[in-house]
Amino acid sequence: MVTYVEVVQEDLVFKALADPTRRLLLDALFERDGRSLGELEAIVNRSTEMSRFGVAKHLRLLEGADLVIVQKSGRERLHYLNPVPIRQIHDRWIDKYTEHHVRALTDLKRLAEEDHD
């Protein structure tokens, strides 16, 4: 049984993943962990114009969803990806739809489409 706290945490993760800028930040951290705010701001600004404050706001939301962990290193704050909440979403919501019987239906659809061509 899923608890209320788990549902609230899932809502935070879904909200965090819903925004393209936040997904871009997560992708950047997936490529290389331990990035500073300045580095992440530069990455975001390759795609869209956004202030340092705007990027920091997105990072705070990612932190709140436990998708990003921040560690202080001297005067810098370094950001690290935490993939665990995404995996938990996958296990709860995606795995159950990829069970054997669903996979059999998609295989049948693929075969029917191949026969049609």
N, C-alpha and C. Protein backbone atom coordinates (compact mmCIF):
# COMPACT_ATOMS: atom_id res chain seq x y z
N MET A 1 0.84 -1.18 0.00
CA MET A 1 0.00 0.00 0.00
C MET A 1 0.89 1.25 0.00
N VAL A 2 0.50 2.22 -0.78
CA VAL A 2 1.24 3.47 -0.89
C VAL A 2 0.75 4.45 0.18
N THR A 3 1.69 5.10 0.85
CA THR A 3 1.33 6.04 1.90
C THR A 3 1.09 7.44 1.32
N TYR A 4 0.46 8.27 2.11
CA TYR A 4 0.21 9.65 1.71
C TYR A 4 1.52 10.39 1.44
N VAL A 5 2.50 10.16 2.28
CA VAL A 5 3.80 10.81 2.10
C VAL A 5 4.42 10.42 0.76
N GLU A 6 4.31 9.15 0.38
CA GLU A 6 4.84 8.70 -0.91
C GLU A 6 4.11 9.36 -2.07
N VAL A 7 2.81 9.53 -1.94
CA VAL A 7 2.02 10.18 -2.98
C VAL A 7 2.43 11.64 -3.13
N VAL A 8 2.62 12.33 -2.01
CA VAL A 8 3.05 13.73 -2.05
C VAL A 8 4.42 13.83 -2.71
N GLN A 9 5.34 12.92 -2.36
CA GLN A 9 6.68 12.93 -2.96
C GLN A 9 6.59 12.67 -4.46
N GLU A 10 5.73 11.75 -4.87
CA GLU A 10 5.55 11.49 -6.30
C GLU A 10 5.03 12.73 -7.02
N ASP A 11 4.10 13.44 -6.39
CA ASP A 11 3.58 14.68 -6.99
C ASP A 11 4.70 15.69 -7.22
N LEU A 12 5.61 15.81 -6.26
CA LEU A 12 6.74 16.73 -6.40
C LEU A 12 7.64 16.31 -7.56
N VAL A 13 7.86 15.01 -7.70
CA VAL A 13 8.70 14.51 -8.79
C VAL A 13 8.03 14.76 -10.13
N PHE A 14 6.74 14.45 -10.24
CA PHE A 14 6.03 14.69 -11.50
C PHE A 14 6.05 16.17 -11.86
N LYS A 15 5.83 17.03 -10.88
CA LYS A 15 5.85 18.47 -11.13
C LYS A 15 7.24 18.90 -11.60
N ALA A 16 8.26 18.38 -10.97
CA ALA A 16 9.63 18.73 -11.34
C ALA A 16 9.94 18.27 -12.77
N LEU A 17 9.50 17.09 -13.13
CA LEU A 17 9.78 16.54 -14.46
C LEU A 17 8.92 17.16 -15.55
N ALA A 18 7.87 17.87 -15.18
CA ALA A 18 6.95 18.43 -16.17
C ALA A 18 7.54 19.62 -16.93
N ASP A 19 8.58 20.23 -16.41
CA ASP A 19 9.13 21.44 -17.02
C ASP A 19 10.37 21.12 -17.86
N PRO A 20 10.43 21.62 -19.10
CA PRO A 20 11.58 21.31 -19.96
C PRO A 20 12.91 21.86 -19.44
N THR A 21 12.90 22.99 -18.77
CA THR A 21 14.14 23.54 -18.21
C THR A 21 14.68 22.63 -17.12
N ARG A 22 13.79 22.13 -16.27
CA ARG A 22 14.23 21.24 -15.20
C ARG A 22 14.73 19.91 -15.77
N ARG A 23 14.09 19.42 -16.83
CA ARG A 23 14.59 18.20 -17.47
C ARG A 23 15.97 18.44 -18.08
N LEU A 24 16.18 19.63 -18.65
CA LEU A 24 17.49 19.98 -19.19
C LEU A 24 18.55 19.99 -18.09
N LEU A 25 18.21 20.54 -16.94
CA LEU A 25 19.13 20.55 -15.81
C LEU A 25 19.46 19.13 -15.35
N LEU A 26 18.45 18.27 -15.29
CA LEU A 26 18.69 16.88 -14.89
C LEU A 26 19.57 16.17 -15.92
N ASP A 27 19.33 16.43 -17.20
CA ASP A 27 20.16 15.82 -18.25
C ASP A 27 21.61 16.28 -18.11
N ALA A 28 21.81 17.55 -17.81
CA ALA A 28 23.17 18.08 -17.64
C ALA A 28 23.86 17.41 -16.46
N LEU A 29 23.13 17.18 -15.39
CA LEU A 29 23.71 16.52 -14.22
C LEU A 29 23.93 15.04 -14.48
N PHE A 30 23.11 14.45 -15.33
CA PHE A 30 23.33 13.05 -15.71
C PHE A 30 24.63 12.92 -16.49
N GLU A 31 24.88 13.89 -17.38
CA GLU A 31 26.11 13.88 -18.18
C GLU A 31 27.34 14.05 -17.29
N ARG A 32 27.24 14.97 -16.32
CA ARG A 32 28.36 15.19 -15.39
C ARG A 32 27.83 15.78 -14.10
N ASP A 33 28.01 15.06 -13.04
CA ASP A 33 27.57 15.51 -11.71
C ASP A 33 28.52 16.56 -11.15
N GLY A 34 28.07 17.22 -10.11
CA GLY A 34 28.92 18.16 -9.39
C GLY A 34 29.08 19.49 -10.09
N ARG A 35 28.01 19.97 -10.70
CA ARG A 35 28.08 21.25 -11.43
C ARG A 35 27.66 22.40 -10.53
N SER A 36 28.26 23.54 -10.78
CA SER A 36 27.91 24.75 -10.03
C SER A 36 26.70 25.42 -10.68
N LEU A 37 26.13 26.37 -9.97
CA LEU A 37 25.01 27.15 -10.51
C LEU A 37 25.43 27.87 -11.79
N GLY A 38 26.63 28.42 -11.81
CA GLY A 38 27.11 29.12 -13.01
C GLY A 38 27.19 28.21 -14.22
N GLU A 39 27.67 26.98 -14.03
CA GLU A 39 27.75 26.02 -15.13
C GLU A 39 26.35 25.67 -15.64
N LEU A 40 25.45 25.44 -14.70
CA LEU A 40 24.09 25.07 -15.08
C LEU A 40 23.37 26.24 -15.76
N GLU A 41 23.63 27.44 -15.29
CA GLU A 41 23.05 28.62 -15.93
C GLU A 41 23.52 28.72 -17.39
N ALA A 42 24.81 28.48 -17.63
CA ALA A 42 25.35 28.53 -18.99
C ALA A 42 24.69 27.48 -19.88
N ILE A 43 24.45 26.30 -19.35
CA ILE A 43 23.80 25.23 -20.12
C ILE A 43 22.38 25.63 -20.48
N VAL A 44 21.63 26.15 -19.52
CA VAL A 44 20.25 26.57 -19.78
C VAL A 44 20.22 27.69 -20.81
N ASN A 45 21.17 28.61 -20.71
CA ASN A 45 21.17 29.76 -21.62
C ASN A 45 21.58 29.42 -23.05
N ARG A 46 22.04 28.21 -23.28
CA ARG A 46 22.25 27.75 -24.67
C ARG A 46 20.92 27.53 -25.37
N SER A 47 19.88 27.20 -24.59
CA SER A 47 18.57 26.90 -25.15
C SER A 47 17.59 28.05 -25.02
N THR A 48 17.65 28.76 -23.92
CA THR A 48 16.71 29.83 -23.64
C THR A 48 17.39 30.86 -22.74
N GLU A 49 16.93 32.07 -22.81
CA GLU A 49 17.51 33.11 -21.96
C GLU A 49 16.85 33.05 -20.58
N MET A 50 17.68 32.87 -19.56
CA MET A 50 17.15 32.79 -18.20
C MET A 50 18.19 33.36 -17.24
N SER A 51 17.70 34.08 -16.26
CA SER A 51 18.60 34.68 -15.27
C SER A 51 19.14 33.62 -14.32
N ARG A 52 20.19 33.97 -13.64
CA ARG A 52 20.77 33.10 -12.61
C ARG A 52 19.71 32.79 -11.55
N PHE A 53 18.91 33.80 -11.19
CA PHE A 53 17.84 33.62 -10.21
C PHE A 53 16.82 32.59 -10.71
N GLY A 54 16.48 32.66 -12.00
CA GLY A 54 15.52 31.70 -12.57
C GLY A 54 16.04 30.28 -12.52
N VAL A 55 17.31 30.10 -12.87
CA VAL A 55 17.91 28.76 -12.83
C VAL A 55 17.94 28.26 -11.38
N ALA A 56 18.31 29.14 -10.45
CA ALA A 56 18.34 28.76 -9.03
C ALA A 56 16.97 28.34 -8.54
N LYS A 57 15.94 29.01 -9.02
CA LYS A 57 14.57 28.66 -8.62
C LYS A 57 14.21 27.26 -9.11
N HIS A 58 14.58 26.94 -10.36
CA HIS A 58 14.34 25.59 -10.89
C HIS A 58 15.11 24.55 -10.07
N LEU A 59 16.34 24.87 -9.71
CA LEU A 59 17.15 23.94 -8.93
C LEU A 59 16.55 23.70 -7.55
N ARG A 60 15.99 24.74 -6.93
CA ARG A 60 15.34 24.57 -5.62
C ARG A 60 14.14 23.63 -5.73
N LEU A 61 13.39 23.73 -6.81
CA LEU A 61 12.26 22.83 -6.99
C LEU A 61 12.75 21.39 -7.17
N LEU A 62 13.84 21.22 -7.92
CA LEU A 62 14.42 19.88 -8.09
C LEU A 62 14.93 19.34 -6.76
N GLU A 63 15.51 20.21 -5.94
CA GLU A 63 15.95 19.81 -4.60
C GLU A 63 14.76 19.38 -3.75
N GLY A 64 13.68 20.15 -3.83
CA GLY A 64 12.48 19.83 -3.06
C GLY A 64 11.88 18.49 -3.44
N ALA A 65 12.07 18.09 -4.69
CA ALA A 65 11.58 16.79 -5.15
C ALA A 65 12.62 15.70 -4.92
N ASP A 66 13.73 16.05 -4.29
CA ASP A 66 14.82 15.13 -3.98
C ASP A 66 15.51 14.58 -5.23
N LEU A 67 15.39 15.30 -6.35
CA LEU A 67 16.04 14.88 -7.58
C LEU A 67 17.45 15.44 -7.69
N VAL A 68 17.73 16.48 -6.93
CA VAL A 68 19.06 17.10 -6.92
C VAL A 68 19.50 17.22 -5.47
N ILE A 69 20.76 16.84 -5.25
CA ILE A 69 21.37 16.98 -3.94
C ILE A 69 22.46 18.03 -4.05
N VAL A 70 22.51 18.94 -3.10
CA VAL A 70 23.49 20.03 -3.12
C VAL A 70 24.52 19.80 -2.04
N GLN A 71 25.77 19.98 -2.42
CA GLN A 71 26.87 19.86 -1.48
C GLN A 71 27.72 21.11 -1.56
N LYS A 72 28.05 21.67 -0.42
CA LYS A 72 28.92 22.85 -0.41
C LYS A 72 30.37 22.40 -0.56
N SER A 73 31.07 23.14 -1.41
CA SER A 73 32.50 22.91 -1.60
C SER A 73 33.17 24.28 -1.56
N GLY A 74 33.66 24.63 -0.40
CA GLY A 74 34.19 25.98 -0.22
C GLY A 74 33.06 26.98 -0.31
N ARG A 75 33.20 27.93 -1.23
CA ARG A 75 32.15 28.93 -1.42
C ARG A 75 31.10 28.50 -2.43
N GLU A 76 31.38 27.41 -3.13
CA GLU A 76 30.47 26.94 -4.18
C GLU A 76 29.49 25.90 -3.63
N ARG A 77 28.35 25.86 -4.29
CA ARG A 77 27.37 24.79 -4.05
C ARG A 77 27.37 23.95 -5.31
N LEU A 78 27.68 22.67 -5.15
CA LEU A 78 27.72 21.76 -6.29
C LEU A 78 26.46 20.91 -6.29
N HIS A 79 25.91 20.70 -7.48
CA HIS A 79 24.64 20.00 -7.65
C HIS A 79 24.88 18.60 -8.21
N TYR A 80 24.21 17.63 -7.62
CA TYR A 80 24.35 16.23 -8.01
C TYR A 80 22.97 15.64 -8.28
N LEU A 81 22.90 14.79 -9.29
CA LEU A 81 21.65 14.11 -9.63
C LEU A 81 21.39 12.98 -8.64
N ASN A 82 20.14 12.88 -8.20
CA ASN A 82 19.69 11.75 -7.40
C ASN A 82 18.63 11.02 -8.22
N PRO A 83 18.98 9.93 -8.91
CA PRO A 83 18.03 9.25 -9.79
C PRO A 83 17.02 8.35 -9.07
N VAL A 84 17.15 8.19 -7.76
CA VAL A 84 16.29 7.27 -7.03
C VAL A 84 14.80 7.61 -7.17
N PRO A 85 14.37 8.88 -7.00
CA PRO A 85 12.93 9.17 -7.15
C PRO A 85 12.39 8.83 -8.55
N ILE A 86 13.21 9.02 -9.57
CA ILE A 86 12.77 8.68 -10.93
C ILE A 86 12.60 7.17 -11.04
N ARG A 87 13.52 6.42 -10.46
CA ARG A 87 13.41 4.96 -10.49
C ARG A 87 12.17 4.50 -9.72
N GLN A 88 11.87 5.15 -8.61
CA GLN A 88 10.68 4.79 -7.84
C GLN A 88 9.41 5.03 -8.66
N ILE A 89 9.38 6.14 -9.41
CA ILE A 89 8.24 6.42 -10.30
C ILE A 89 8.15 5.32 -11.35
N HIS A 90 9.28 4.98 -11.92
CA HIS A 90 9.32 3.91 -12.93
C HIS A 90 8.78 2.61 -12.37
N ASP A 91 9.28 2.22 -11.20
CA ASP A 91 8.86 0.96 -10.61
C ASP A 91 7.36 0.95 -10.29
N ARG A 92 6.84 2.07 -9.83
CA ARG A 92 5.42 2.11 -9.44
C ARG A 92 4.48 2.29 -10.62
N TRP A 93 4.85 3.10 -11.60
CA TRP A 93 3.91 3.46 -12.65
C TRP A 93 4.21 2.83 -14.01
N ILE A 94 5.43 2.56 -14.31
CA ILE A 94 5.74 2.07 -15.65
C ILE A 94 5.86 0.55 -15.67
N ASP A 95 6.54 -0.01 -14.68
CA ASP A 95 6.71 -1.46 -14.65
C ASP A 95 5.39 -2.22 -14.75
N LYS A 96 4.38 -1.74 -14.04
CA LYS A 96 3.12 -2.49 -14.03
C LYS A 96 2.43 -2.48 -15.40
N TYR A 97 2.77 -1.51 -16.26
CA TYR A 97 2.20 -1.46 -17.60
C TYR A 97 3.03 -2.21 -18.62
N THR A 98 4.18 -2.71 -18.21
CA THR A 98 5.02 -3.45 -19.14
C THR A 98 5.09 -4.92 -18.77
N GLU A 99 4.12 -5.38 -18.02
CA GLU A 99 4.06 -6.78 -17.66
C GLU A 99 3.86 -7.62 -18.90
N HIS A 100 3.98 -8.91 -18.73
CA HIS A 100 3.96 -9.85 -19.85
C HIS A 100 2.73 -9.69 -20.75
N HIS A 101 1.55 -9.57 -20.20
CA HIS A 101 0.34 -9.51 -21.04
C HIS A 101 0.29 -8.22 -21.87
N VAL A 102 0.78 -7.14 -21.34
CA VAL A 102 0.82 -5.89 -22.11
C VAL A 102 1.87 -6.00 -23.20
N ARG A 103 3.00 -6.60 -22.88
CA ARG A 103 4.05 -6.79 -23.87
C ARG A 103 3.53 -7.69 -25.01
N ALA A 104 2.73 -8.69 -24.67
CA ALA A 104 2.17 -9.58 -25.69
C ALA A 104 1.26 -8.80 -26.64
N LEU A 105 0.50 -7.85 -26.11
CA LEU A 105 -0.38 -7.04 -26.96
C LEU A 105 0.43 -6.14 -27.89
N THR A 106 1.50 -5.56 -27.39
CA THR A 106 2.32 -4.70 -28.25
C THR A 106 3.03 -5.54 -29.32
N ASP A 107 3.44 -6.76 -28.97
CA ASP A 107 4.04 -7.65 -29.96
C ASP A 107 3.03 -8.02 -31.04
N LEU A 108 1.80 -8.29 -30.64
CA LEU A 108 0.74 -8.61 -31.59
C LEU A 108 0.48 -7.43 -32.52
N LYS A 109 0.44 -6.23 -31.99
CA LYS A 109 0.24 -5.03 -32.79
C LYS A 109 1.38 -4.87 -33.80
N ARG A 110 2.61 -5.08 -33.35
CA ARG A 110 3.76 -4.97 -34.25
C ARG A 110 3.68 -6.00 -35.36
N LEU A 111 3.33 -7.23 -35.04
CA LEU A 111 3.20 -8.28 -36.05
C LEU A 111 2.10 -7.95 -37.06
N ALA A 112 0.97 -7.45 -36.57
CA ALA A 112 -0.12 -7.07 -37.46
C ALA A 112 0.30 -5.96 -38.41
N GLU A 113 1.04 -5.01 -37.90
CA GLU A 113 1.51 -3.90 -38.74
C GLU A 113 2.53 -4.38 -39.76
N GLU A 114 3.38 -5.34 -39.38
CA GLU A 114 4.35 -5.90 -40.32
C GLU A 114 3.65 -6.67 -41.43
N ASP A 115 2.59 -7.43 -41.09
CA ASP A 115 1.83 -8.18 -42.09
C ASP A 115 1.09 -7.25 -43.03
N HIS A 116 0.70 -6.09 -42.51
CA HIS A 116 -0.05 -5.13 -43.31
C HIS A 116 0.84 -4.46 -44.35
N ASP A 117 2.13 -4.30 -44.05
CA ASP A 117 3.05 -3.65 -44.97
C ASP A 117 3.38 -4.56 -46.09
